[in-house]
Amino acid sequence: MEKSFEELDYQKSVLGELILRRRKVPMLDNAVVYEVILNDEFLMSSLFHAAEDALADLGLAAAPDGLLDVVVGGLGLGYTAVAALVHARVAELLVVEFLEPVIGWHRDGLLPNGKGLSDDPRLRFVHGDFFALSDSATGFDPVTPGRKFHAILLDIDHTPKHWLNPAHAAFYVSNGLLALVRHLHPGGVFAMWSDGESDPDFLHALREVFDAAAAHTVTFPNPIQDKESSSTVYVARGR
């Protein structure tokens, strides 16, 4: 019989205490929810992933025609990667994850999406710092340095001004985005999830660097608070 609450893993990571837990929510007919907590702060929940799905769908819809090589920055519970792999045009998907235990959760089958992701031959996990790789000349693929991609999808920080690590701040301005563009094919797409409303400063930075950029509001039901919640998905297309 499945427990009503279970801590599936606890790790002391480079960013602090990392916890994966599974619990039943009585007010939702005992629906099983997976949650990731970092230093007592909720990072993600399997209860809410509409925006993560939309990140993949909106980003890849704007990508160039033909087969696509794609990077996802941030693995989490795997929803963006799963949504990306639904698209038959995706030839290869690299998922860059800074916290090695998160990759282990998927490979070990601790998460509902884990086995399907690990078994898909188009997917490859890369243990690394997305922001450092973005700023480097070699880029995201350790096997093929300098490789370019048709789409880069990012879901790591809460917002462009609310970071998991202050070192990430340099990415969300024009110079940081210019470094990222080096790793895109011409006309390639950068898309990013952010909590809450769009940030006009970040949208301005995107429009300085990319040919076009827009902020899409994604609304979804929040049964815990009995209301609708919303997130933002930015989509920018290169020149």
Protein backbone atom coordinates (compact mmCIF):
# COMPACT_ATOMS: atom_id res chain seq x y z
CA MET A 1 0.00 0.00 0.00
CA GLU A 2 1.37 3.39 -1.02
CA LYS A 3 2.29 5.64 1.89
CA SER A 4 0.55 8.99 2.34
CA PHE A 5 3.94 10.72 2.69
CA GLU A 6 7.40 9.50 1.76
CA GLU A 7 10.79 11.16 1.44
CA LEU A 8 12.29 9.44 -1.59
CA ASP A 9 15.72 11.06 -1.45
CA TYR A 10 17.74 13.55 0.57
CA GLN A 11 21.04 14.96 -0.66
CA LYS A 12 23.41 17.70 0.44
CA SER A 13 24.04 19.34 -2.92
CA VAL A 14 26.29 22.22 -3.93
CA LEU A 15 23.23 24.49 -3.69
CA GLY A 16 22.12 23.16 -0.31
CA GLU A 17 19.71 20.53 1.01
CA LEU A 18 17.85 18.81 -1.83
CA ILE A 19 14.78 16.69 -1.12
CA LEU A 20 12.51 14.62 -3.32
CA ARG A 21 9.26 13.58 -1.72
CA ARG A 22 5.98 11.96 -2.67
CA ARG A 23 2.71 12.57 -0.88
CA LYS A 24 -1.02 12.14 -1.24
CA VAL A 25 -3.23 15.25 -1.20
CA PRO A 26 -6.49 14.46 0.67
CA MET A 27 -8.32 17.51 -0.72
CA LEU A 28 -7.63 16.19 -4.25
CA ASP A 29 -8.97 12.67 -3.67
CA ASN A 30 -5.54 11.51 -2.50
CA ALA A 31 -3.84 12.41 -5.77
CA VAL A 32 -0.16 11.47 -5.64
CA VAL A 33 2.13 14.47 -5.97
CA TYR A 34 5.92 14.58 -6.37
CA GLU A 35 7.72 17.62 -4.98
CA VAL A 36 11.30 18.91 -5.05
CA ILE A 37 12.50 21.14 -2.20
CA LEU A 38 15.79 23.02 -2.08
CA ASN A 39 16.74 24.60 1.26
CA ASP A 40 13.10 24.53 2.47
CA GLU A 41 11.93 26.27 -0.72
CA PHE A 42 9.61 24.52 -3.18
CA LEU A 43 11.25 24.19 -6.59
CA MET A 44 8.62 22.21 -8.43
CA SER A 45 5.55 20.03 -8.07
CA SER A 46 4.05 17.42 -10.37
CA LEU A 47 0.68 19.04 -9.64
CA PHE A 48 1.57 22.03 -11.83
CA HIS A 49 3.32 21.46 -15.14
CA ALA A 50 1.14 23.16 -17.76
CA ALA A 51 3.69 25.95 -18.18
CA GLU A 52 6.58 23.49 -18.46
CA ASP A 53 4.66 21.68 -21.22
CA ALA A 54 3.93 25.02 -22.90
CA LEU A 55 7.63 25.91 -22.82
CA ALA A 56 8.36 22.98 -25.12
CA ASP A 57 5.30 23.44 -27.32
CA LEU A 58 5.66 27.20 -27.83
CA GLY A 59 9.42 27.04 -28.26
CA LEU A 60 9.42 24.22 -30.79
CA ALA A 61 6.47 25.68 -32.71
CA ALA A 62 8.65 28.73 -33.40
CA ALA A 63 11.71 26.69 -34.39
CA PRO A 64 12.93 26.39 -38.00
CA ASP A 65 11.45 23.78 -40.35
CA GLY A 66 12.93 20.30 -40.47
CA LEU A 67 14.52 18.06 -37.87
CA LEU A 68 15.59 19.76 -34.67
CA ASP A 69 18.53 19.45 -32.30
CA VAL A 70 17.32 20.80 -28.95
CA VAL A 71 18.77 21.69 -25.55
CA VAL A 72 16.69 21.79 -22.37
CA GLY A 73 18.31 23.64 -19.49
CA GLY A 74 17.05 22.16 -16.23
CA LEU A 75 15.68 18.62 -15.87
CA GLY A 76 13.51 18.90 -12.76
CA LEU A 77 10.61 16.46 -12.85
CA GLY A 78 11.11 16.03 -16.59
CA TYR A 79 7.94 17.61 -17.95
CA THR A 80 9.57 19.96 -20.47
CA ALA A 81 11.75 17.15 -21.79
CA VAL A 82 8.75 14.83 -22.11
CA ALA A 83 6.73 17.50 -23.92
CA ALA A 84 9.64 18.18 -26.29
CA LEU A 85 10.03 14.50 -27.19
CA VAL A 86 6.36 14.34 -28.20
CA HIS A 87 7.39 16.42 -31.21
CA ALA A 88 8.46 14.03 -33.95
CA ARG A 89 10.74 16.70 -35.42
CA VAL A 90 13.10 16.44 -32.44
CA ALA A 91 16.11 14.47 -33.65
CA GLU A 92 18.17 14.79 -30.46
CA LEU A 93 17.51 16.34 -27.07
CA LEU A 94 20.28 17.27 -24.64
CA VAL A 95 19.09 17.94 -21.09
CA VAL A 96 21.61 19.94 -19.07
CA GLU A 97 21.22 19.51 -15.31
CA PHE A 98 23.48 21.00 -12.65
CA LEU A 99 22.36 18.74 -9.79
CA GLU A 100 23.56 15.21 -10.44
CA PRO A 101 21.06 13.62 -7.99
CA VAL A 102 18.20 14.89 -10.17
CA ILE A 103 19.58 12.94 -13.13
CA GLY A 104 19.86 9.91 -10.84
CA TRP A 105 16.19 10.18 -9.82
CA HIS A 106 15.19 9.74 -13.44
CA ARG A 107 17.67 6.99 -14.26
CA ASP A 108 16.67 5.08 -11.10
CA GLY A 109 12.95 5.31 -11.87
CA LEU A 110 12.02 7.34 -8.78
CA LEU A 111 9.89 9.71 -10.88
CA PRO A 112 6.91 8.95 -13.13
CA ASN A 113 8.66 10.43 -16.18
CA GLY A 114 12.05 8.96 -15.42
CA LYS A 115 11.96 5.61 -17.16
CA GLY A 116 10.38 6.96 -20.34
CA LEU A 117 12.97 9.70 -20.63
CA SER A 118 15.93 7.45 -19.93
CA ASP A 119 14.74 4.89 -22.49
CA ASP A 120 14.21 7.38 -25.33
CA PRO A 121 17.20 7.03 -27.68
CA ARG A 122 16.90 10.69 -28.72
CA LEU A 123 17.67 11.97 -25.22
CA ARG A 124 21.04 12.47 -23.58
CA PHE A 125 21.63 13.82 -20.07
CA VAL A 126 24.49 16.28 -19.60
CA HIS A 127 25.65 16.91 -16.04
CA GLY A 128 26.78 20.51 -16.12
CA ASP A 129 26.11 24.17 -15.40
CA PHE A 130 23.83 25.50 -18.13
CA PHE A 131 24.90 29.10 -17.52
CA ALA A 132 28.62 28.35 -17.60
CA LEU A 133 28.21 26.27 -20.76
CA SER A 134 26.17 29.03 -22.38
CA ASP A 135 28.96 31.49 -21.68
CA SER A 136 31.64 29.16 -23.04
CA ALA A 137 32.94 28.80 -26.58
CA THR A 138 32.49 25.02 -26.52
CA GLY A 139 28.78 25.11 -25.66
CA PHE A 140 26.41 22.46 -24.37
CA ASP A 141 27.54 19.20 -25.98
CA PRO A 142 30.70 17.73 -24.40
CA VAL A 143 30.90 15.20 -27.24
CA THR A 144 30.83 17.81 -30.01
CA PRO A 145 32.36 21.11 -28.83
CA GLY A 146 31.00 24.15 -30.64
CA ARG A 147 27.84 22.37 -31.76
CA LYS A 148 24.85 24.56 -32.64
CA PHE A 149 21.18 23.87 -31.92
CA HIS A 150 17.82 24.81 -33.42
CA ALA A 151 16.15 25.46 -30.07
CA ILE A 152 17.27 26.04 -26.48
CA LEU A 153 14.60 25.76 -23.78
CA LEU A 154 15.37 27.01 -20.27
CA ASP A 155 13.60 26.28 -16.97
CA ILE A 156 15.95 26.79 -14.02
CA ASP A 157 15.51 30.04 -12.10
CA HIS A 158 12.20 31.31 -10.73
CA THR A 159 12.33 34.54 -12.75
CA PRO A 160 14.99 36.68 -14.50
CA LYS A 161 15.46 38.46 -11.16
CA HIS A 162 14.85 35.61 -8.70
CA TRP A 163 17.69 33.12 -9.12
CA LEU A 164 18.67 29.85 -7.51
CA ASN A 165 22.23 31.17 -7.58
CA PRO A 166 23.20 34.88 -7.80
CA ALA A 167 25.87 33.90 -10.33
CA HIS A 168 23.05 33.34 -12.85
CA ALA A 169 22.18 37.05 -12.94
CA ALA A 170 24.67 37.82 -15.72
CA PHE A 171 22.75 35.58 -18.13
CA TYR A 172 19.57 37.68 -18.13
CA VAL A 173 21.05 40.80 -19.71
CA SER A 174 22.11 41.55 -23.28
CA ASN A 175 25.70 40.26 -22.96
CA GLY A 176 24.57 36.99 -21.45
CA LEU A 177 22.01 36.45 -24.19
CA LEU A 178 24.55 37.33 -26.87
CA ALA A 179 26.75 34.53 -25.55
CA LEU A 180 23.81 32.11 -25.81
CA VAL A 181 23.08 33.07 -29.42
CA ARG A 182 26.47 31.67 -30.48
CA HIS A 183 25.07 28.20 -29.82
CA LEU A 184 22.00 28.61 -32.04
CA HIS A 185 21.67 28.01 -35.77
CA PRO A 186 20.50 31.06 -37.76
CA GLY A 187 16.81 31.53 -37.03
CA GLY A 188 17.09 29.34 -33.96
CA VAL A 189 14.82 29.78 -30.96
CA PHE A 190 15.43 30.50 -27.30
CA ALA A 191 12.44 29.95 -25.00
CA MET A 192 12.25 30.23 -21.22
CA TRP A 193 9.81 29.58 -18.39
CA SER A 194 9.36 32.16 -15.63
CA ASP A 195 7.06 32.33 -12.65
CA GLY A 196 4.36 35.00 -12.55
CA GLU A 197 4.05 37.97 -14.88
CA SER A 198 6.48 38.93 -17.64
CA ASP A 199 9.48 41.11 -16.83
CA PRO A 200 9.69 44.16 -19.14
CA ASP A 201 13.44 44.55 -18.57
CA PHE A 202 14.14 40.98 -19.65
CA LEU A 203 11.81 41.26 -22.64
CA HIS A 204 13.69 44.41 -23.67
CA ALA A 205 17.02 42.57 -23.42
CA LEU A 206 15.65 39.74 -25.57
CA ARG A 207 14.52 42.20 -28.24
CA GLU A 208 17.97 43.81 -28.27
CA VAL A 209 19.60 40.49 -29.09
CA PHE A 210 17.01 38.49 -31.06
CA ASP A 211 15.09 39.32 -34.22
CA ALA A 212 11.75 38.94 -32.41
CA ALA A 213 10.64 38.15 -28.87
CA ALA A 214 7.31 37.78 -27.10
CA ALA A 215 6.05 36.88 -23.63
CA HIS A 216 3.19 34.37 -23.46
CA THR A 217 1.01 34.09 -20.36
CA VAL A 218 0.14 30.49 -19.48
CA THR A 219 -2.76 30.09 -17.05
CA PHE A 220 -3.66 26.86 -15.26
CA PRO A 221 -5.99 25.78 -12.45
CA ASN A 222 -4.55 25.81 -8.94
CA PRO A 223 -6.77 23.48 -6.91
CA ILE A 224 -4.74 24.03 -3.75
CA GLN A 225 -5.60 27.74 -3.71
CA ASP A 226 -8.92 27.26 -5.57
CA LYS A 227 -8.02 29.79 -8.27
CA GLU A 228 -6.11 30.18 -11.51
CA SER A 229 -2.36 30.68 -11.44
CA SER A 230 -0.14 31.86 -14.25
CA SER A 231 3.42 31.68 -15.53
CA THR A 232 5.24 33.30 -18.44
CA VAL A 233 6.93 31.64 -21.39
CA TYR A 234 9.30 33.88 -23.33
CA VAL A 235 9.96 32.93 -26.96
CA ALA A 236 12.71 34.66 -28.96
CA ARG A 237 13.84 33.86 -32.50
CA GLY A 238 17.33 34.58 -33.76
CA ARG A 239 18.35 36.40 -36.89
